[in-house]
Amino acid sequence: MKKLISAFLVICMILSLASCEKKNDEPDAVFKPALDTETSCSITIAGSYDNFEALEAEFDRFNEIYPNVQLSYVKLDDYNNTLSTVLEGNDKPNIFFSYTWMFDNQNYDSVFEHMENLSDPGLKLNFDCIRPGLINYDDEGRLLMVPVFSRTYGMLVNNDLFEKEGLSVPTTYTELLSVCEEFRNKGYASPMMGYSQKSSSCFMYTVAYPLFAASLADNPEALALANDLDPAAGEYMRPALEAVEQLIQNGCIDLEACDLIEDNYTKVILRFFEGDVPMMICAGDTVSGTKKRESQSEAFSNAPFNYTFAPIPMAEDGGCFIDSPSIEFSVNKDCDNLDMTNEFMRFLISNIELNEMASVKRLVTPTKDLSFDSVYAPVAQIPSERTISPEVIGIKDPLTVQIRIAAFKVGKGELTIDEAVSMYGVLE
């Protein structure tokens, strides 16, 4: 009987291990080619990046499966204005960058005419790995763009500096004001910093936009007014503008020191790497440049520190995670080698490949696996009720222009809050 029991246990163990091995082989991590792997053709992807090392790494991985497919990336000069012409030309790309702000813009009608419906079941593209808030269908129910990177707003946090001073990273607005005061008392002139020279990408907008979006998220009537640029919508900006003003007036941010930062990318990163800035306000796009610039900063090379990117806690229940597409890919349905183009898209749109590309570029992944990069771990902890997907709720680009300019002018003292509120719809 003991031998029988032992034999039975051994068999159960073998079956269990076999089952585990099978499960490990089943996820979408294992890409199975659907076309002849000896196919020879070329695929071109057109975009606005100067270089795209992360995508080129994907080319190499795809070539392990399809060695005779030549893939290339090309940057188009003046991308937004030349894309429609290029798509009509002889050397039209197979895949091209696209953006949600192109919707409802007549200048891009001809671009949309070239876009393939990626939700066509026959293409067998699986979007389950992508966060639902990033998937946007047009009025006809077609999916014409698929996100490969996403965007959000927040702050780079010097965790070692907080630990050195015996302080905790703030999770509420009250804690944020308190910790800024404590840093100032310890000799830090500007506990928070950010780019402030121009309205585009300024820290004022990065602070104000999530608050404004949150005020509109559960108020369809207010959102409609804001999208229509109705002056009555200005009142919904007020809390966000008051928050910007309070951060400056309370000494959380030294505006003069911020004005010395010349851009919201390289200069913001290098200033943060000096090691004396507890919190640097910026967008996720800025964070993408941190890994490469660690070695370019003498200060960071000499005294490296642990840092993460987190939403700015501008409310008592924490910060908002603004979940928007950054770069999206569209397939040119009129291109050569359409079958292989779709095969590359099927390869790329998977948890492993999208995370791999985001890791190289250090942008926010569009997948549900937000914590795969430790820099973005705080973002992954934001609860769903504090996550806002602007494209899903219907926030349009003209609205964002108004809050961007209002926040900048209020922060600079060029307008009072009352003036900015009353000018909603005509700010430029």
Protein backbone atom coordinates (compact mmCIF):
# COMPACT_ATOMS: atom_id res chain seq x y z
CA MET A 1 0.00 0.00 0.00
CA LYS A 2 2.86 2.39 0.85
CA LYS A 3 4.45 1.69 -2.55
CA LEU A 4 1.16 2.36 -4.30
CA ILE A 5 0.69 5.64 -2.43
CA SER A 6 4.27 6.70 -3.21
CA ALA A 7 3.82 5.85 -6.88
CA PHE A 8 0.55 7.80 -6.94
CA LEU A 9 2.23 10.86 -5.37
CA VAL A 10 5.09 10.71 -7.88
CA ILE A 11 2.62 10.58 -10.77
CA CYS A 12 0.68 13.54 -9.34
CA MET A 13 3.90 15.52 -8.99
CA ILE A 14 4.91 14.81 -12.58
CA LEU A 15 1.48 15.83 -13.86
CA SER A 16 1.60 19.00 -11.74
CA LEU A 17 5.01 19.99 -13.13
CA ALA A 18 3.87 19.27 -16.66
CA SER A 19 0.83 21.45 -16.07
CA CYS A 20 3.00 24.31 -14.79
CA GLU A 21 5.29 24.04 -17.79
CA LYS A 22 2.30 24.14 -20.10
CA LYS A 23 0.90 27.24 -18.37
CA ASN A 24 4.23 29.01 -18.66
CA ASP A 25 4.22 28.35 -22.40
CA GLU A 26 0.67 29.54 -22.97
CA PRO A 27 0.74 33.35 -22.34
CA ASP A 28 0.92 35.83 -25.19
CA ALA A 29 4.65 35.96 -24.46
CA VAL A 30 5.09 33.18 -27.02
CA PHE A 31 4.53 34.68 -30.46
CA LYS A 32 3.59 32.17 -33.13
CA PRO A 33 4.22 33.35 -36.71
CA ALA A 34 1.20 33.28 -38.99
CA LEU A 35 3.06 33.87 -42.27
CA ASP A 36 5.92 32.18 -44.10
CA THR A 37 9.00 33.02 -42.02
CA GLU A 38 11.10 33.11 -45.19
CA THR A 39 9.06 36.03 -46.59
CA SER A 40 11.23 38.82 -47.94
CA CYS A 41 9.86 42.39 -47.89
CA SER A 42 10.36 45.83 -46.32
CA ILE A 43 8.36 47.78 -43.74
CA THR A 44 8.81 51.46 -42.91
CA ILE A 45 7.57 53.27 -39.83
CA ALA A 46 7.36 57.07 -39.98
CA GLY A 47 7.34 59.32 -36.94
CA SER A 48 8.46 62.54 -35.32
CA TYR A 49 11.21 61.22 -33.01
CA ASP A 50 14.78 62.08 -33.97
CA ASN A 51 15.73 58.51 -33.17
CA PHE A 52 13.86 55.49 -31.90
CA GLU A 53 16.27 52.97 -30.41
CA ALA A 54 13.48 51.18 -28.56
CA LEU A 55 11.65 50.46 -31.81
CA GLU A 56 14.84 49.38 -33.54
CA ALA A 57 15.34 46.85 -30.75
CA GLU A 58 11.90 45.48 -31.63
CA PHE A 59 12.99 45.24 -35.26
CA ASP A 60 15.85 42.99 -34.16
CA ARG A 61 13.52 40.81 -32.10
CA PHE A 62 11.07 40.50 -35.00
CA ASN A 63 13.93 39.56 -37.32
CA GLU A 64 14.68 36.57 -35.13
CA ILE A 65 11.37 35.22 -36.43
CA TYR A 66 11.27 36.83 -39.88
CA PRO A 67 14.96 37.29 -40.83
CA ASN A 68 14.25 38.51 -44.37
CA VAL A 69 11.92 41.36 -43.45
CA GLN A 70 13.72 44.69 -43.62
CA LEU A 71 12.30 47.14 -41.08
CA SER A 72 13.27 50.80 -40.85
CA TYR A 73 12.28 53.93 -39.00
CA VAL A 74 12.27 57.35 -40.67
CA LYS A 75 11.73 60.75 -39.10
CA LEU A 76 9.56 63.15 -41.09
CA ASP A 77 10.48 66.83 -40.90
CA ASP A 78 7.56 69.00 -39.79
CA TYR A 79 5.66 65.78 -39.13
CA ASN A 80 2.19 67.18 -38.45
CA ASN A 81 2.15 69.21 -41.66
CA THR A 82 3.80 66.72 -44.00
CA LEU A 83 2.16 63.44 -42.91
CA SER A 84 -0.84 63.71 -45.24
CA THR A 85 1.42 64.44 -48.22
CA VAL A 86 3.73 61.52 -47.42
CA LEU A 87 0.80 59.10 -47.16
CA GLU A 88 -0.23 60.11 -50.68
CA GLY A 89 3.29 59.76 -52.10
CA ASN A 90 5.18 56.90 -53.73
CA ASP A 91 7.26 56.08 -50.64
CA LYS A 92 4.33 55.88 -48.25
CA PRO A 93 5.07 54.31 -44.84
CA ASN A 94 3.47 51.10 -43.60
CA ILE A 95 2.97 52.40 -40.05
CA PHE A 96 2.94 55.98 -38.78
CA PHE A 97 2.66 57.95 -35.54
CA SER A 98 -0.86 59.15 -34.76
CA TYR A 99 -2.42 61.18 -31.97
CA THR A 100 -5.90 61.47 -30.45
CA TRP A 101 -5.92 65.23 -31.03
CA MET A 102 -6.13 64.49 -34.76
CA PHE A 103 -9.77 63.50 -34.25
CA ASP A 104 -12.26 66.28 -35.12
CA ASN A 105 -9.50 68.16 -36.93
CA GLN A 106 -10.34 68.61 -40.60
CA ASN A 107 -6.65 69.03 -41.46
CA TYR A 108 -6.23 65.30 -40.88
CA ASP A 109 -9.26 64.00 -42.77
CA SER A 110 -7.01 62.62 -45.52
CA VAL A 111 -4.80 60.94 -42.89
CA PHE A 112 -7.79 59.09 -41.42
CA GLU A 113 -8.73 57.85 -44.88
CA HIS A 114 -5.50 55.81 -44.90
CA MET A 115 -5.93 54.28 -41.43
CA GLU A 116 -6.71 50.59 -41.16
CA ASN A 117 -9.39 49.44 -38.72
CA LEU A 118 -7.23 47.58 -36.22
CA SER A 119 -10.24 46.14 -34.41
CA ASP A 120 -11.07 43.98 -37.45
CA PRO A 121 -11.27 40.43 -36.00
CA GLY A 122 -9.52 39.11 -39.09
CA LEU A 123 -6.30 40.84 -38.03
CA LYS A 124 -6.24 38.84 -34.77
CA LEU A 125 -4.69 41.69 -32.79
CA ASN A 126 -5.07 41.17 -29.05
CA PHE A 127 -5.46 44.38 -27.04
CA ASP A 128 -6.15 42.70 -23.69
CA CYS A 129 -2.74 43.72 -22.36
CA ILE A 130 -3.45 47.45 -22.86
CA ARG A 131 -5.21 49.54 -20.20
CA PRO A 132 -8.81 50.07 -21.33
CA GLY A 133 -8.62 53.82 -20.77
CA LEU A 134 -6.07 54.09 -23.58
CA ILE A 135 -8.18 52.33 -26.20
CA ASN A 136 -10.25 54.82 -28.17
CA TYR A 137 -12.73 53.98 -30.91
CA ASP A 138 -14.04 56.50 -33.41
CA ASP A 139 -17.72 57.32 -33.95
CA GLU A 140 -18.05 54.32 -36.26
CA GLY A 141 -16.65 51.92 -33.68
CA ARG A 142 -13.30 51.54 -35.45
CA LEU A 143 -9.94 51.38 -33.68
CA LEU A 144 -7.62 53.42 -35.87
CA MET A 145 -4.81 54.05 -33.41
CA VAL A 146 -3.17 51.79 -30.85
CA PRO A 147 -1.01 53.24 -28.04
CA VAL A 148 2.61 52.14 -27.77
CA PHE A 149 3.50 54.66 -25.04
CA SER A 150 1.35 56.55 -22.58
CA ARG A 151 1.64 59.91 -20.86
CA THR A 152 0.94 61.24 -17.40
CA TYR A 153 1.92 64.12 -15.11
CA GLY A 154 3.64 64.13 -11.76
CA MET A 155 6.95 64.69 -10.03
CA LEU A 156 10.35 63.08 -9.79
CA VAL A 157 11.02 62.32 -6.13
CA ASN A 158 14.50 62.13 -4.59
CA ASN A 159 13.74 59.33 -2.13
CA ASP A 160 17.21 59.39 -0.58
CA LEU A 161 16.80 63.09 0.25
CA PHE A 162 13.56 62.39 2.08
CA GLU A 163 15.23 59.58 4.00
CA LYS A 164 18.25 61.74 4.83
CA GLU A 165 16.05 64.46 6.30
CA GLY A 166 13.78 62.02 8.10
CA LEU A 167 10.71 62.97 6.11
CA SER A 168 8.04 60.91 4.35
CA VAL A 169 7.02 61.38 0.73
CA PRO A 170 3.66 63.20 0.87
CA THR A 171 0.48 61.41 -0.16
CA THR A 172 -2.05 64.20 0.51
CA TYR A 173 -2.15 67.94 -0.17
CA THR A 174 -1.84 68.78 3.53
CA GLU A 175 1.23 66.56 3.79
CA LEU A 176 2.69 68.20 0.66
CA LEU A 177 2.42 71.70 2.14
CA SER A 178 3.79 70.47 5.45
CA VAL A 179 6.79 68.65 3.97
CA CYS A 180 7.66 71.66 1.81
CA GLU A 181 7.72 73.82 4.94
CA GLU A 182 9.94 71.31 6.73
CA PHE A 183 12.37 71.21 3.80
CA ARG A 184 12.51 75.00 3.76
CA ASN A 185 13.25 75.01 7.47
CA LYS A 186 16.14 72.64 6.74
CA GLY A 187 17.61 75.07 4.20
CA TYR A 188 16.08 73.92 0.90
CA ALA A 189 15.12 77.13 -0.92
CA SER A 190 12.77 75.41 -3.38
CA PRO A 191 11.44 72.03 -2.18
CA MET A 192 9.60 71.71 -5.49
CA MET A 193 10.92 72.83 -8.87
CA GLY A 194 9.96 72.61 -12.53
CA TYR A 195 10.25 74.32 -15.88
CA SER A 196 8.53 77.73 -15.92
CA GLN A 197 9.92 79.84 -18.75
CA LYS A 198 7.07 79.27 -21.22
CA SER A 199 3.50 78.00 -20.98
CA SER A 200 4.20 74.85 -22.98
CA SER A 201 5.23 72.04 -20.58
CA CYS A 202 5.43 74.46 -17.65
CA PHE A 203 5.10 73.13 -14.10
CA MET A 204 1.99 75.29 -13.57
CA TYR A 205 0.12 73.28 -16.19
CA THR A 206 1.45 69.99 -14.82
CA VAL A 207 -0.01 70.91 -11.43
CA ALA A 208 -3.29 72.42 -12.69
CA TYR A 209 -4.36 70.09 -15.49
CA PRO A 210 -5.01 66.96 -13.37
CA LEU A 211 -7.11 69.02 -10.95
CA PHE A 212 -9.10 70.61 -13.77
CA ALA A 213 -9.62 67.23 -15.43
CA ALA A 214 -10.81 65.77 -12.11
CA SER A 215 -13.36 68.57 -11.71
CA LEU A 216 -14.80 67.72 -15.14
CA ALA A 217 -14.60 63.93 -14.97
CA ASP A 218 -17.88 63.40 -13.10
CA ASN A 219 -19.68 66.46 -14.43
CA PRO A 220 -20.82 65.99 -18.06
CA GLU A 221 -22.47 69.43 -18.18
CA ALA A 222 -19.28 71.15 -17.05
CA LEU A 223 -17.23 69.12 -19.53
CA ALA A 224 -19.54 70.13 -22.38
CA LEU A 225 -19.18 73.80 -21.43
CA ALA A 226 -15.40 73.47 -21.21
CA ASN A 227 -15.10 71.73 -24.58
CA ASP A 228 -17.31 74.40 -26.15
CA LEU A 229 -15.00 77.06 -24.64
CA ASP A 230 -17.98 78.58 -22.87
CA PRO A 231 -16.84 81.32 -20.43
CA ALA A 232 -19.04 79.74 -17.76
CA ALA A 233 -16.60 76.83 -17.62
CA GLY A 234 -13.92 79.12 -16.24
CA GLU A 235 -15.20 78.59 -12.70
CA TYR A 236 -14.21 74.93 -12.91
CA MET A 237 -10.58 76.06 -13.33
CA ARG A 238 -10.61 78.05 -10.11
CA PRO A 239 -9.53 75.28 -7.66
CA ALA A 240 -6.66 74.28 -9.94
CA LEU A 241 -5.48 77.88 -10.32
CA GLU A 242 -5.75 78.45 -6.57
CA ALA A 243 -3.55 75.41 -5.98
CA VAL A 244 -0.85 76.72 -8.34
CA GLU A 245 -0.91 80.11 -6.66
CA GLN A 246 -0.77 78.61 -3.17
CA LEU A 247 2.27 76.46 -3.95
CA ILE A 248 4.15 79.56 -5.08
CA GLN A 249 2.93 81.87 -2.31
CA ASN A 250 3.69 79.27 0.39
CA GLY A 251 7.29 79.01 -0.79
CA CYS A 252 6.96 75.43 -2.00
CA ILE A 253 8.32 76.61 -5.35
CA ASP A 254 10.87 79.36 -5.97
CA LEU A 255 9.72 80.76 -9.30
CA GLU A 256 12.96 82.63 -9.95
CA ALA A 257 14.97 79.45 -9.46
CA CYS A 258 12.62 77.59 -11.80
CA ASP A 259 13.01 80.26 -14.46
CA LEU A 260 16.71 79.36 -14.67
CA ILE A 261 15.80 75.92 -16.06
CA GLU A 262 15.96 76.32 -19.83
CA ASP A 263 13.81 73.41 -20.99
CA ASN A 264 11.45 70.77 -19.65
CA TYR A 265 13.60 67.85 -20.69
CA THR A 266 17.39 67.75 -20.45
CA LYS A 267 17.76 70.80 -18.21
CA VAL A 268 15.02 69.67 -15.84
CA ILE A 269 16.64 66.24 -15.51
CA LEU A 270 20.15 67.57 -14.98
CA ARG A 271 18.89 70.09 -12.41
CA PHE A 272 17.13 67.28 -10.53
CA PHE A 273 20.29 65.18 -10.65
CA GLU A 274 22.15 67.88 -8.76
CA GLY A 275 20.66 66.12 -5.75
CA ASP A 276 19.25 69.09 -3.79
CA VAL A 277 15.70 69.09 -5.23
CA PRO A 278 13.28 66.92 -3.24
CA MET A 279 10.50 67.04 -5.88
CA MET A 280 10.81 68.00 -9.55
CA ILE A 281 7.48 68.61 -11.33
CA CYS A 282 7.41 67.26 -14.88
CA ALA A 283 5.60 65.02 -17.33
CA GLY A 284 6.25 61.35 -17.89
CA ASP A 285 7.84 62.24 -21.22
CA THR A 286 10.60 64.01 -19.28
CA VAL A 287 11.23 60.92 -17.15
CA SER A 288 12.07 59.03 -20.34
CA GLY A 289 15.36 60.89 -20.53
CA THR A 290 16.55 60.13 -17.01
CA LYS A 291 18.27 56.79 -17.58
CA LYS A 292 20.45 58.10 -20.40
CA ARG A 293 21.38 61.26 -18.50
CA GLU A 294 22.46 59.63 -15.25
CA SER A 295 25.94 59.23 -16.71
CA GLN A 296 25.85 62.74 -18.21
CA SER A 297 25.40 64.32 -14.79
CA GLU A 298 28.67 64.66 -12.90
CA ALA A 299 26.75 65.30 -9.69
CA PHE A 300 24.65 62.15 -10.05
CA SER A 301 27.64 60.05 -11.11
CA ASN A 302 29.50 61.13 -7.97
CA ALA A 303 26.51 60.78 -5.65
CA PRO A 304 23.76 58.63 -7.19
CA PHE A 305 20.41 58.45 -5.43
CA ASN A 306 17.17 56.51 -5.64
CA TYR A 307 14.33 58.32 -7.39
CA THR A 308 10.81 57.55 -8.50
CA PHE A 309 8.01 59.29 -10.39
CA ALA A 310 4.70 59.89 -8.61
CA PRO A 311 1.47 61.85 -9.12
CA ILE A 312 1.47 65.19 -7.31
CA PRO A 313 -0.78 64.82 -4.23
CA MET A 314 -2.91 67.91 -4.84
CA ALA A 315 -5.99 66.61 -2.97
CA GLU A 316 -6.65 65.12 0.46
CA ASP A 317 -7.28 61.71 -1.09
CA GLY A 318 -4.03 61.82 -3.05
CA GLY A 319 -2.86 62.58 -6.55
CA CYS A 320 -4.59 61.78 -9.82
CA PHE A 321 -3.16 59.46 -12.42
CA ILE A 322 -3.86 61.08 -15.78
CA ASP A 323 -3.80 58.13 -18.18
CA SER A 324 -3.42 59.33 -21.77
CA PRO A 325 -1.87 57.89 -24.93
CA SER A 326 1.43 59.47 -25.84
CA ILE A 327 2.52 57.89 -29.10
CA GLU A 328 0.10 55.71 -31.06
CA PHE A 329 0.65 53.63 -34.17
CA SER A 330 -1.68 53.52 -37.14
CA VAL A 331 -1.38 51.16 -40.08
CA ASN A 332 -1.56 52.56 -43.60
CA LYS A 333 -4.15 50.30 -45.23
CA ASP A 334 -2.87 51.35 -48.65
CA CYS A 335 0.74 50.36 -48.03
CA ASP A 336 2.77 47.62 -49.67
CA ASN A 337 3.17 44.36 -47.75
CA LEU A 338 0.07 44.95 -45.64
CA ASP A 339 -0.06 41.34 -44.40
CA MET A 340 3.46 41.50 -42.97
CA THR A 341 2.77 44.96 -41.58
CA ASN A 342 -0.16 43.57 -39.62
CA GLU A 343 1.99 40.64 -38.55
CA PHE A 344 4.53 43.07 -37.08
CA MET A 345 1.71 44.88 -35.25
CA ARG A 346 0.47 41.55 -33.88
CA PHE A 347 4.00 40.87 -32.65
CA LEU A 348 4.42 44.33 -31.11
CA ILE A 349 1.05 44.60 -29.35
CA SER A 350 1.81 42.24 -26.50
CA ASN A 351 2.64 42.65 -22.84
CA ILE A 352 6.28 41.66 -23.26
CA GLU A 353 7.09 43.73 -26.35
CA LEU A 354 5.32 46.91 -25.24
CA ASN A 355 6.96 46.70 -21.82
CA GLU A 356 10.32 46.03 -23.44
CA MET A 357 9.98 49.08 -25.64
CA ALA A 358 8.81 51.27 -22.75
CA SER A 359 11.75 50.03 -20.68
CA VAL A 360 14.29 51.06 -23.32
CA LYS A 361 12.64 54.46 -23.80
CA ARG A 362 11.67 54.70 -20.11
CA LEU A 363 8.24 55.99 -20.99
CA VAL A 364 5.05 54.89 -19.27
CA THR A 365 3.98 51.54 -20.66
CA PRO A 366 0.44 51.31 -22.09
CA THR A 367 0.04 47.83 -20.59
CA LYS A 368 -1.66 46.92 -17.33
CA ASP A 369 1.75 46.07 -15.87
CA LEU A 370 2.60 49.61 -14.70
CA SER A 371 4.97 48.48 -11.97
CA PHE A 372 7.39 46.63 -14.26
CA ASP A 373 9.70 49.70 -14.11
CA SER A 374 10.44 50.60 -10.48
CA VAL A 375 10.63 54.30 -11.35
CA TYR A 376 6.88 54.24 -12.04
CA ALA A 377 5.98 52.04 -9.05
CA PRO A 378 4.15 54.88 -7.21
CA VAL A 379 1.93 55.41 -10.26
CA ALA A 380 0.93 51.75 -10.20
CA GLN A 381 -0.36 52.20 -6.63
CA ILE A 382 -2.95 54.85 -7.57
CA PRO A 383 -6.45 53.39 -7.12
CA SER A 384 -8.83 53.21 -10.06
CA GLU A 385 -11.08 55.92 -8.63
CA ARG A 386 -8.14 58.35 -8.87
CA THR A 387 -7.36 57.39 -12.47
CA ILE A 388 -8.64 59.71 -15.20
CA SER A 389 -8.56 58.86 -18.90
CA PRO A 390 -9.13 62.22 -20.65
CA GLU A 391 -9.79 60.73 -24.07
CA VAL A 392 -12.39 58.34 -22.69
CA ILE A 393 -14.36 61.01 -20.80
CA GLY A 394 -14.15 63.32 -23.81
CA ILE A 395 -11.64 66.06 -22.94
CA LYS A 396 -10.61 67.82 -26.15
CA ASP A 397 -7.43 69.67 -27.02
CA PRO A 398 -8.82 73.28 -27.06
CA LEU A 399 -9.83 72.81 -23.42
CA THR A 400 -6.28 71.89 -22.44
CA VAL A 401 -4.95 75.04 -24.11
CA GLN A 402 -7.14 77.20 -21.86
CA ILE A 403 -5.99 75.63 -18.58
CA ARG A 404 -2.36 75.62 -19.74
CA ILE A 405 -2.32 79.35 -20.49
CA ALA A 406 -4.43 80.26 -17.46
CA ALA A 407 -2.17 78.34 -15.06
CA PHE A 408 0.97 79.85 -16.56
CA LYS A 409 -0.29 83.45 -16.44
CA VAL A 410 -1.64 83.09 -12.91
CA GLY A 411 1.61 81.50 -11.75
CA LYS A 412 3.62 84.29 -13.32
CA GLY A 413 1.37 86.94 -11.83
CA GLU A 414 0.28 88.19 -15.26
CA LEU A 415 -3.39 87.51 -14.45
CA THR A 416 -5.36 87.23 -11.24
CA ILE A 417 -7.41 84.09 -10.74
CA ASP A 418 -10.61 86.07 -11.25
CA GLU A 419 -9.28 87.48 -14.53
CA ALA A 420 -8.20 84.08 -15.81
CA VAL A 421 -11.55 82.52 -14.88
CA SER A 422 -13.48 85.26 -16.69
CA MET A 423 -11.30 84.90 -19.79
CA TYR A 424 -11.90 81.18 -20.27
CA GLY A 425 -12.38 80.47 -23.96
CA VAL A 426 -10.33 83.39 -25.23
CA LEU A 427 -6.99 82.78 -23.51
CA GLU A 428 -4.13 82.59 -26.01
